[in-house]
Amino acid sequence: MTIRMYGADWCGDCRRAKAWFAETGVPYTYVDLVETPEATEIVLERNNGKQSIPVIVFGDDSHLTEPSNDALAAKIAELGDAAARVVENVEDDRFEMWRAGELVSFASYSSREDGVVVVPHVETAPIHRGVGNAATLLDGVLGLLRTSGRSILPLCPFAADHVRNNRRHHDLVAP
């Protein structure tokens, strides 16, 4: 399931929703309306001409505007097993993305004492490859790292490309 949030970093409701997604491990794609002003048309269309943000569009084509954390939780629960969830499995030193009770993708890691998470490998189950699951996993991982104040050293070529190609994650890269 794809979740896309349209917002701006100066917006308090947008920052709160981003934090909720990061804390719950629900992956989403963030569209910064300052960096992508043409996406404002989607906001206006969804809000009957009003410029209220954030607008969060779900895979079933429904949307919420300026939702509370409780409204987000209710919507994710309503969507049920179709929603992906990214969790940190500390025991196995990996981040995992689960959907409908099935492990879809994982990213192996090791932790350094300075709070850097080294990611040497990302893998998606063969049946789930080619539809963006690894990217969704990494967005969830980066959200969890941001929330916990950690940074990433992406050694896996896919992870490194994903971070490099998404400017919003550049601040999480360890020197």
N, C-alpha and C. Protein backbone atom coordinates (compact mmCIF):
# COMPACT_ATOMS: atom_id res chain seq x y z
N MET A 1 0.84 -1.17 0.00
CA MET A 1 0.00 0.00 0.00
C MET A 1 0.89 1.23 0.00
N THR A 2 0.51 2.18 -0.79
CA THR A 2 1.25 3.43 -0.86
C THR A 2 0.52 4.49 -0.05
N ILE A 3 1.26 5.19 0.78
CA ILE A 3 0.72 6.33 1.51
C ILE A 3 1.57 7.52 1.11
N ARG A 4 0.92 8.58 0.68
CA ARG A 4 1.63 9.77 0.23
C ARG A 4 1.12 10.96 1.04
N MET A 5 2.05 11.67 1.66
CA MET A 5 1.68 12.85 2.45
C MET A 5 2.19 14.10 1.75
N TYR A 6 1.27 15.05 1.52
CA TYR A 6 1.60 16.34 0.94
C TYR A 6 1.64 17.35 2.06
N GLY A 7 2.77 18.04 2.20
CA GLY A 7 2.89 18.99 3.31
C GLY A 7 4.06 19.92 3.12
N ALA A 8 4.40 20.61 4.19
CA ALA A 8 5.52 21.55 4.21
C ALA A 8 6.17 21.48 5.58
N ASP A 9 7.48 21.62 5.61
CA ASP A 9 8.21 21.49 6.87
C ASP A 9 7.87 22.58 7.88
N TRP A 10 7.35 23.73 7.43
CA TRP A 10 6.99 24.80 8.35
C TRP A 10 5.65 24.53 9.05
N CYS A 11 4.92 23.52 8.60
CA CYS A 11 3.58 23.22 9.11
C CYS A 11 3.66 22.30 10.33
N GLY A 12 3.11 22.75 11.44
CA GLY A 12 3.13 21.96 12.67
C GLY A 12 2.38 20.65 12.55
N ASP A 13 1.22 20.64 11.89
CA ASP A 13 0.47 19.40 11.71
C ASP A 13 1.24 18.42 10.82
N CYS A 14 1.98 18.95 9.86
CA CYS A 14 2.80 18.09 8.98
C CYS A 14 3.93 17.45 9.79
N ARG A 15 4.59 18.24 10.62
CA ARG A 15 5.67 17.70 11.44
C ARG A 15 5.14 16.64 12.40
N ARG A 16 3.97 16.87 12.97
CA ARG A 16 3.38 15.90 13.89
C ARG A 16 3.04 14.60 13.15
N ALA A 17 2.44 14.72 11.96
CA ALA A 17 2.08 13.52 11.19
C ALA A 17 3.34 12.74 10.78
N LYS A 18 4.39 13.46 10.37
CA LYS A 18 5.64 12.79 10.01
C LYS A 18 6.20 12.03 11.22
N ALA A 19 6.13 12.64 12.39
CA ALA A 19 6.62 11.99 13.60
C ALA A 19 5.78 10.74 13.91
N TRP A 20 4.46 10.83 13.72
CA TRP A 20 3.59 9.69 13.97
C TRP A 20 3.97 8.53 13.04
N PHE A 21 4.16 8.82 11.76
CA PHE A 21 4.55 7.77 10.82
C PHE A 21 5.87 7.14 11.24
N ALA A 22 6.83 7.96 11.63
CA ALA A 22 8.14 7.45 12.03
C ALA A 22 8.03 6.60 13.29
N GLU A 23 7.27 7.06 14.27
CA GLU A 23 7.14 6.34 15.55
C GLU A 23 6.42 5.01 15.38
N THR A 24 5.46 4.96 14.48
CA THR A 24 4.68 3.73 14.30
C THR A 24 5.29 2.79 13.27
N GLY A 25 6.30 3.27 12.53
CA GLY A 25 6.94 2.43 11.53
C GLY A 25 6.12 2.22 10.27
N VAL A 26 5.10 3.06 10.07
CA VAL A 26 4.29 2.96 8.85
C VAL A 26 4.99 3.75 7.76
N PRO A 27 5.43 3.07 6.69
CA PRO A 27 6.14 3.78 5.63
C PRO A 27 5.21 4.67 4.81
N TYR A 28 5.75 5.76 4.33
CA TYR A 28 4.99 6.70 3.51
C TYR A 28 5.98 7.48 2.65
N THR A 29 5.44 8.16 1.67
CA THR A 29 6.24 9.04 0.83
C THR A 29 5.82 10.46 1.14
N TYR A 30 6.81 11.32 1.39
CA TYR A 30 6.53 12.71 1.72
C TYR A 30 6.77 13.59 0.50
N VAL A 31 5.80 14.41 0.16
CA VAL A 31 5.93 15.36 -0.94
C VAL A 31 5.95 16.76 -0.32
N ASP A 32 7.11 17.39 -0.36
CA ASP A 32 7.29 18.74 0.19
C ASP A 32 6.76 19.74 -0.82
N LEU A 33 5.71 20.44 -0.46
CA LEU A 33 5.07 21.38 -1.38
C LEU A 33 5.92 22.61 -1.67
N VAL A 34 6.91 22.87 -0.81
CA VAL A 34 7.83 23.98 -1.08
C VAL A 34 8.78 23.57 -2.21
N GLU A 35 9.27 22.34 -2.14
CA GLU A 35 10.17 21.83 -3.17
C GLU A 35 9.45 21.40 -4.44
N THR A 36 8.18 21.03 -4.31
CA THR A 36 7.38 20.55 -5.45
C THR A 36 6.08 21.33 -5.49
N PRO A 37 6.14 22.63 -5.85
CA PRO A 37 4.93 23.45 -5.80
C PRO A 37 3.80 22.99 -6.71
N GLU A 38 4.12 22.28 -7.79
CA GLU A 38 3.07 21.81 -8.69
C GLU A 38 2.16 20.78 -8.01
N ALA A 39 2.63 20.14 -6.94
CA ALA A 39 1.81 19.18 -6.21
C ALA A 39 0.70 19.86 -5.42
N THR A 40 0.77 21.18 -5.30
CA THR A 40 -0.30 21.93 -4.62
C THR A 40 -1.65 21.69 -5.29
N GLU A 41 -1.64 21.42 -6.59
CA GLU A 41 -2.88 21.12 -7.31
C GLU A 41 -3.59 19.90 -6.72
N ILE A 42 -2.82 18.91 -6.29
CA ILE A 42 -3.41 17.71 -5.68
C ILE A 42 -4.09 18.09 -4.37
N VAL A 43 -3.42 18.94 -3.58
CA VAL A 43 -4.00 19.39 -2.31
C VAL A 43 -5.31 20.13 -2.56
N LEU A 44 -5.30 21.04 -3.51
CA LEU A 44 -6.51 21.82 -3.82
C LEU A 44 -7.64 20.91 -4.31
N GLU A 45 -7.29 19.96 -5.14
CA GLU A 45 -8.30 19.03 -5.66
C GLU A 45 -8.92 18.19 -4.55
N ARG A 46 -8.08 17.70 -3.66
CA ARG A 46 -8.57 16.85 -2.57
C ARG A 46 -9.38 17.64 -1.54
N ASN A 47 -9.10 18.95 -1.41
CA ASN A 47 -9.73 19.78 -0.38
C ASN A 47 -10.76 20.76 -0.93
N ASN A 48 -11.29 20.47 -2.11
CA ASN A 48 -12.30 21.36 -2.70
C ASN A 48 -11.84 22.81 -2.75
N GLY A 49 -10.59 23.00 -3.18
CA GLY A 49 -10.06 24.34 -3.38
C GLY A 49 -9.37 24.95 -2.17
N LYS A 50 -9.38 24.30 -1.03
CA LYS A 50 -8.74 24.83 0.17
C LYS A 50 -7.29 24.35 0.25
N GLN A 51 -6.42 25.17 0.82
CA GLN A 51 -5.00 24.85 0.91
C GLN A 51 -4.62 24.28 2.28
N SER A 52 -5.43 23.45 2.85
CA SER A 52 -5.14 22.84 4.16
C SER A 52 -4.17 21.67 3.99
N ILE A 53 -3.18 21.62 4.88
CA ILE A 53 -2.21 20.52 4.87
C ILE A 53 -1.96 20.05 6.30
N PRO A 54 -1.50 18.84 6.47
CA PRO A 54 -1.15 17.88 5.45
C PRO A 54 -2.37 17.22 4.84
N VAL A 55 -2.20 16.77 3.61
CA VAL A 55 -3.16 15.90 2.95
C VAL A 55 -2.46 14.56 2.81
N ILE A 56 -3.07 13.52 3.33
CA ILE A 56 -2.48 12.19 3.30
C ILE A 56 -3.38 11.31 2.46
N VAL A 57 -2.82 10.81 1.36
CA VAL A 57 -3.57 9.99 0.40
C VAL A 57 -3.13 8.54 0.58
N PHE A 58 -4.12 7.66 0.71
CA PHE A 58 -3.87 6.24 0.96
C PHE A 58 -4.04 5.43 -0.32
N GLY A 59 -3.57 4.20 -0.29
CA GLY A 59 -3.59 3.33 -1.46
C GLY A 59 -4.97 3.04 -1.99
N ASP A 60 -6.00 3.18 -1.15
CA ASP A 60 -7.37 2.96 -1.62
C ASP A 60 -7.97 4.24 -2.21
N ASP A 61 -7.15 5.27 -2.40
CA ASP A 61 -7.51 6.58 -2.97
C ASP A 61 -8.33 7.45 -2.01
N SER A 62 -8.47 7.03 -0.76
CA SER A 62 -9.09 7.91 0.23
C SER A 62 -8.02 8.87 0.73
N HIS A 63 -8.44 9.90 1.43
CA HIS A 63 -7.46 10.82 1.98
C HIS A 63 -7.97 11.41 3.29
N LEU A 64 -7.02 11.93 4.08
CA LEU A 64 -7.33 12.67 5.30
C LEU A 64 -6.61 14.01 5.21
N THR A 65 -7.28 15.05 5.68
CA THR A 65 -6.67 16.38 5.72
C THR A 65 -6.54 16.80 7.17
N GLU A 66 -5.35 17.24 7.55
CA GLU A 66 -5.04 17.65 8.92
C GLU A 66 -5.52 16.63 9.95
N PRO A 67 -5.21 15.35 9.75
CA PRO A 67 -5.72 14.35 10.69
C PRO A 67 -4.98 14.37 12.02
N SER A 68 -5.70 14.02 13.06
CA SER A 68 -5.06 13.83 14.37
C SER A 68 -4.33 12.49 14.35
N ASN A 69 -3.50 12.25 15.35
CA ASN A 69 -2.83 10.96 15.45
C ASN A 69 -3.84 9.83 15.59
N ASP A 70 -4.92 10.09 16.33
CA ASP A 70 -5.95 9.07 16.49
C ASP A 70 -6.63 8.76 15.16
N ALA A 71 -6.85 9.79 14.33
CA ALA A 71 -7.48 9.56 13.02
C ALA A 71 -6.54 8.76 12.12
N LEU A 72 -5.24 9.05 12.18
CA LEU A 72 -4.28 8.28 11.39
C LEU A 72 -4.27 6.82 11.85
N ALA A 73 -4.24 6.60 13.14
CA ALA A 73 -4.24 5.23 13.67
C ALA A 73 -5.50 4.48 13.25
N ALA A 74 -6.64 5.16 13.31
CA ALA A 74 -7.90 4.53 12.91
C ALA A 74 -7.89 4.17 11.43
N LYS A 75 -7.35 5.06 10.60
CA LYS A 75 -7.32 4.79 9.16
C LYS A 75 -6.39 3.62 8.85
N ILE A 76 -5.24 3.57 9.48
CA ILE A 76 -4.32 2.45 9.25
C ILE A 76 -4.97 1.15 9.72
N ALA A 77 -5.66 1.19 10.84
CA ALA A 77 -6.36 0.00 11.33
C ALA A 77 -7.46 -0.42 10.35
N GLU A 78 -8.16 0.55 9.80
CA GLU A 78 -9.21 0.28 8.82
C GLU A 78 -8.64 -0.40 7.58
N LEU A 79 -7.47 0.06 7.17
CA LEU A 79 -6.84 -0.52 5.98
C LEU A 79 -6.32 -1.92 6.26
N GLY A 80 -6.08 -2.19 7.54
CA GLY A 80 -5.72 -3.53 7.98
C GLY A 80 -4.44 -4.06 7.40
N ASP A 81 -4.49 -5.30 6.98
CA ASP A 81 -3.30 -6.00 6.54
C ASP A 81 -2.69 -5.46 5.26
N ALA A 82 -3.40 -4.62 4.53
CA ALA A 82 -2.83 -4.06 3.30
C ALA A 82 -1.71 -3.09 3.60
N ALA A 83 -1.71 -2.53 4.81
CA ALA A 83 -0.69 -1.54 5.18
C ALA A 83 0.61 -2.24 5.57
N ALA A 84 1.71 -1.68 5.10
CA ALA A 84 3.03 -2.21 5.46
C ALA A 84 3.44 -1.61 6.79
N ARG A 85 4.23 -2.36 7.53
CA ARG A 85 4.73 -1.89 8.83
C ARG A 85 6.22 -2.21 8.90
N VAL A 86 7.01 -1.20 9.25
CA VAL A 86 8.45 -1.38 9.38
C VAL A 86 8.78 -1.39 10.87
N VAL A 87 9.50 -2.41 11.29
CA VAL A 87 9.88 -2.55 12.69
C VAL A 87 11.37 -2.84 12.80
N GLU A 88 11.94 -2.53 13.95
CA GLU A 88 13.33 -2.86 14.21
C GLU A 88 13.36 -4.15 15.02
N ASN A 89 14.00 -5.16 14.47
CA ASN A 89 14.17 -6.43 15.15
C ASN A 89 15.59 -6.44 15.73
N VAL A 90 15.71 -5.95 16.96
CA VAL A 90 17.01 -5.79 17.60
C VAL A 90 17.69 -7.14 17.81
N GLU A 91 16.92 -8.16 18.11
CA GLU A 91 17.47 -9.49 18.36
C GLU A 91 18.21 -10.03 17.13
N ASP A 92 17.69 -9.77 15.93
CA ASP A 92 18.30 -10.26 14.70
C ASP A 92 19.10 -9.19 13.95
N ASP A 93 19.26 -8.00 14.56
CA ASP A 93 20.01 -6.91 13.95
C ASP A 93 19.53 -6.60 12.54
N ARG A 94 18.22 -6.36 12.43
CA ARG A 94 17.69 -5.98 11.13
C ARG A 94 16.38 -5.22 11.29
N PHE A 95 16.10 -4.41 10.30
CA PHE A 95 14.81 -3.74 10.18
C PHE A 95 13.98 -4.62 9.25
N GLU A 96 12.70 -4.75 9.55
CA GLU A 96 11.84 -5.62 8.75
C GLU A 96 10.58 -4.89 8.32
N MET A 97 10.12 -5.18 7.12
CA MET A 97 8.84 -4.67 6.65
C MET A 97 7.89 -5.85 6.52
N TRP A 98 6.78 -5.75 7.23
CA TRP A 98 5.76 -6.79 7.25
C TRP A 98 4.49 -6.28 6.59
N ARG A 99 3.82 -7.15 5.87
CA ARG A 99 2.52 -6.84 5.27
C ARG A 99 1.68 -8.11 5.33
N ALA A 100 0.48 -8.00 5.86
CA ALA A 100 -0.45 -9.14 5.95
C ALA A 100 0.21 -10.33 6.66
N GLY A 101 0.99 -10.04 7.71
CA GLY A 101 1.62 -11.10 8.49
C GLY A 101 2.80 -11.77 7.81
N GLU A 102 3.26 -11.21 6.71
CA GLU A 102 4.36 -11.80 5.95
C GLU A 102 5.55 -10.85 5.91
N LEU A 103 6.73 -11.39 6.13
CA LEU A 103 7.95 -10.61 6.01
C LEU A 103 8.20 -10.36 4.53
N VAL A 104 8.20 -9.10 4.14
CA VAL A 104 8.34 -8.72 2.74
C VAL A 104 9.78 -8.34 2.42
N SER A 105 10.38 -7.49 3.26
CA SER A 105 11.74 -7.00 3.03
C SER A 105 12.45 -6.84 4.37
N PHE A 106 13.79 -6.85 4.32
CA PHE A 106 14.55 -6.56 5.53
C PHE A 106 15.86 -5.88 5.17
N ALA A 107 16.40 -5.16 6.13
CA ALA A 107 17.71 -4.51 6.01
C ALA A 107 18.55 -4.92 7.21
N SER A 108 19.62 -5.66 6.96
CA SER A 108 20.54 -6.05 8.02
C SER A 108 21.32 -4.83 8.48
N TYR A 109 21.71 -4.81 9.74
CA TYR A 109 22.49 -3.67 10.22
C TYR A 109 23.37 -4.06 11.40
N SER A 110 24.34 -3.20 11.67
CA SER A 110 25.10 -3.25 12.91
C SER A 110 25.10 -1.83 13.46
N SER A 111 25.19 -1.72 14.76
CA SER A 111 25.18 -0.40 15.40
C SER A 111 26.56 -0.06 15.95
N ARG A 112 26.97 1.16 15.69
CA ARG A 112 28.23 1.65 16.25
C ARG A 112 27.91 2.42 17.54
N GLU A 113 28.92 2.60 18.37
CA GLU A 113 28.73 3.31 19.64
C GLU A 113 28.33 4.77 19.46
N ASP A 114 28.65 5.35 18.31
CA ASP A 114 28.32 6.76 18.08
C ASP A 114 26.91 6.97 17.52
N GLY A 115 26.09 5.92 17.53
CA GLY A 115 24.71 6.05 17.07
C GLY A 115 24.54 5.88 15.56
N VAL A 116 25.58 5.42 14.90
CA VAL A 116 25.50 5.19 13.45
C VAL A 116 25.05 3.75 13.21
N VAL A 117 24.07 3.60 12.35
CA VAL A 117 23.57 2.29 11.95
C VAL A 117 24.17 1.97 10.58
N VAL A 118 24.96 0.93 10.51
CA VAL A 118 25.62 0.52 9.27
C VAL A 118 24.74 -0.53 8.59
N VAL A 119 24.33 -0.24 7.35
CA VAL A 119 23.42 -1.13 6.61
C VAL A 119 24.17 -1.72 5.42
N PRO A 120 24.63 -2.99 5.55
CA PRO A 120 25.38 -3.61 4.46
C PRO A 120 24.50 -4.36 3.45
N HIS A 121 23.22 -4.61 3.82
CA HIS A 121 22.42 -5.48 2.96
C HIS A 121 20.93 -5.17 3.10
N VAL A 122 20.26 -5.08 1.97
CA VAL A 122 18.80 -4.95 1.92
C VAL A 122 18.29 -6.05 1.00
N GLU A 123 17.24 -6.72 1.43
CA GLU A 123 16.71 -7.82 0.62
C GLU A 123 15.19 -7.84 0.67
N THR A 124 14.59 -8.17 -0.47
CA THR A 124 13.15 -8.33 -0.58
C THR A 124 12.88 -9.76 -1.03
N ALA A 125 11.86 -10.37 -0.46
CA ALA A 125 11.49 -11.73 -0.85
C ALA A 125 11.22 -11.75 -2.36
N PRO A 126 11.67 -12.78 -3.07
CA PRO A 126 11.53 -12.81 -4.53
C PRO A 126 10.12 -12.52 -5.04
N ILE A 127 9.12 -13.01 -4.37
CA ILE A 127 7.74 -12.81 -4.83
C ILE A 127 7.30 -11.34 -4.73
N HIS A 128 8.02 -10.55 -3.91
CA HIS A 128 7.64 -9.16 -3.67
C HIS A 128 8.58 -8.16 -4.35
N ARG A 129 9.47 -8.62 -5.19
CA ARG A 129 10.44 -7.73 -5.83
C ARG A 129 9.82 -6.97 -6.99
N GLY A 130 10.43 -5.81 -7.27
CA GLY A 130 10.07 -5.04 -8.46
C GLY A 130 8.88 -4.11 -8.32
N VAL A 131 8.36 -3.95 -7.11
CA VAL A 131 7.20 -3.06 -6.94
C VAL A 131 7.44 -1.98 -5.88
N GLY A 132 8.71 -1.75 -5.53
CA GLY A 132 9.04 -0.66 -4.62
C GLY A 132 9.08 -1.01 -3.15
N ASN A 133 9.04 -2.29 -2.82
CA ASN A 133 9.04 -2.67 -1.40
C ASN A 133 10.34 -2.30 -0.68
N ALA A 134 11.47 -2.45 -1.35
CA ALA A 134 12.75 -2.10 -0.69
C ALA A 134 12.81 -0.60 -0.41
N ALA A 135 12.31 0.21 -1.33
CA ALA A 135 12.27 1.66 -1.11
C ALA A 135 11.34 2.01 0.05
N THR A 136 10.20 1.33 0.12
CA THR A 136 9.27 1.56 1.22
C THR A 136 9.91 1.17 2.54
N LEU A 137 10.61 0.03 2.55
CA LEU A 137 11.34 -0.39 3.75
C LEU A 137 12.33 0.69 4.17
N LEU A 138 13.14 1.17 3.24
CA LEU A 138 14.16 2.16 3.58
C LEU A 138 13.54 3.46 4.08
N ASP A 139 12.44 3.90 3.51
CA ASP A 139 11.77 5.09 4.03
C ASP A 139 11.34 4.88 5.47
N GLY A 140 10.83 3.69 5.77
CA GLY A 140 10.46 3.38 7.15
C GLY A 140 11.66 3.32 8.07
N VAL A 141 12.75 2.71 7.61
CA VAL A 141 13.98 2.64 8.39
C VAL A 141 14.49 4.04 8.70
N LEU A 142 14.54 4.89 7.68
CA LEU A 142 15.04 6.25 7.88
C LEU A 142 14.15 7.04 8.83
N GLY A 143 12.85 6.79 8.78
CA GLY A 143 11.95 7.43 9.74
C GLY A 143 12.23 6.98 11.17
N LEU A 144 12.47 5.69 11.35
CA LEU A 144 12.79 5.18 12.68
C LEU A 144 14.12 5.74 13.18
N LEU A 145 15.11 5.83 12.29
CA LEU A 145 16.40 6.39 12.68
C LEU A 145 16.26 7.86 13.06
N ARG A 146 15.50 8.61 12.28
CA ARG A 146 15.30 10.04 12.57
C ARG A 146 14.67 10.21 13.95
N THR A 147 13.64 9.42 14.23
CA THR A 147 12.95 9.52 15.51
C THR A 147 13.86 9.18 16.69
N SER A 148 14.74 8.23 16.49
CA SER A 148 15.62 7.79 17.59
C SER A 148 16.93 8.57 17.64
N GLY A 149 17.14 9.53 16.74
CA GLY A 149 18.33 10.36 16.77
C GLY A 149 19.58 9.66 16.26
N ARG A 150 19.40 8.61 15.47
CA ARG A 150 20.54 7.89 14.92
C ARG A 150 20.77 8.31 13.46
N SER A 151 21.91 7.91 12.92
CA SER A 151 22.21 8.19 11.52
C SER A 151 22.54 6.87 10.82
N ILE A 152 22.74 6.94 9.51
CA ILE A 152 22.94 5.73 8.72
C ILE A 152 24.22 5.82 7.90
N LEU A 153 24.86 4.68 7.76
CA LEU A 153 25.98 4.51 6.83
C LEU A 153 25.53 3.40 5.89
N PRO A 154 24.97 3.77 4.73
CA PRO A 154 24.42 2.76 3.82
C PRO A 154 25.50 2.15 2.93
N LEU A 155 25.96 0.97 3.28
CA LEU A 155 26.97 0.27 2.49
C LEU A 155 26.34 -0.50 1.33
N CYS A 156 25.12 -0.95 1.50
CA CYS A 156 24.39 -1.63 0.44
C CYS A 156 24.20 -0.65 -0.72
N PRO A 157 24.55 -1.03 -1.96
CA PRO A 157 24.39 -0.11 -3.09
C PRO A 157 22.96 0.41 -3.26
N PHE A 158 21.97 -0.45 -3.06
CA PHE A 158 20.58 0.01 -3.19
C PHE A 158 20.26 1.05 -2.13
N ALA A 159 20.64 0.77 -0.88
CA ALA A 159 20.37 1.71 0.21
C ALA A 159 21.09 3.03 -0.03
N ALA A 160 22.34 2.97 -0.48
CA ALA A 160 23.10 4.19 -0.75
C ALA A 160 22.44 5.02 -1.86
N ASP A 161 21.99 4.36 -2.93
CA ASP A 161 21.31 5.08 -4.01
C ASP A 161 20.00 5.69 -3.52
N HIS A 162 19.26 4.95 -2.71
CA HIS A 162 17.98 5.46 -2.21
C HIS A 162 18.18 6.73 -1.39
N VAL A 163 19.16 6.70 -0.50
CA VAL A 163 19.43 7.88 0.33
C VAL A 163 19.93 9.03 -0.54
N ARG A 164 20.85 8.74 -1.45
CA ARG A 164 21.42 9.77 -2.32
C ARG A 164 20.33 10.42 -3.20
N ASN A 165 19.35 9.65 -3.64
CA ASN A 165 18.32 10.16 -4.53
C ASN A 165 17.14 10.82 -3.82
N ASN A 166 17.17 10.87 -2.50
CA ASN A 166 16.09 11.48 -1.72
C ASN A 166 16.69 12.51 -0.77
N ARG A 167 16.69 13.76 -1.21
CA ARG A 167 17.35 14.83 -0.46
C ARG A 167 16.88 14.94 0.98
N ARG A 168 15.64 14.59 1.23
CA ARG A 168 15.12 14.74 2.59
C ARG A 168 15.84 13.84 3.59
N HIS A 169 16.60 12.86 3.10
CA HIS A 169 17.32 11.94 3.98
C HIS A 169 18.79 12.28 4.12
N HIS A 170 19.28 13.23 3.39
CA HIS A 170 20.73 13.52 3.38
C HIS A 170 21.27 13.84 4.77
N ASP A 171 20.45 14.46 5.61
CA ASP A 171 20.94 14.83 6.95
C ASP A 171 21.15 13.62 7.85
N LEU A 172 20.66 12.45 7.45
CA LEU A 172 20.80 11.24 8.26
C LEU A 172 22.06 10.45 7.93
N VAL A 173 22.77 10.84 6.88
CA VAL A 173 23.95 10.09 6.46
C VAL A 173 25.12 10.41 7.36
N ALA A 174 25.74 9.35 7.90
CA ALA A 174 26.91 9.53 8.78
C ALA A 174 28.11 9.91 7.94
N PRO A 175 28.97 10.77 8.51
CA PRO A 175 30.18 11.16 7.77
C PRO A 175 31.18 10.01 7.65
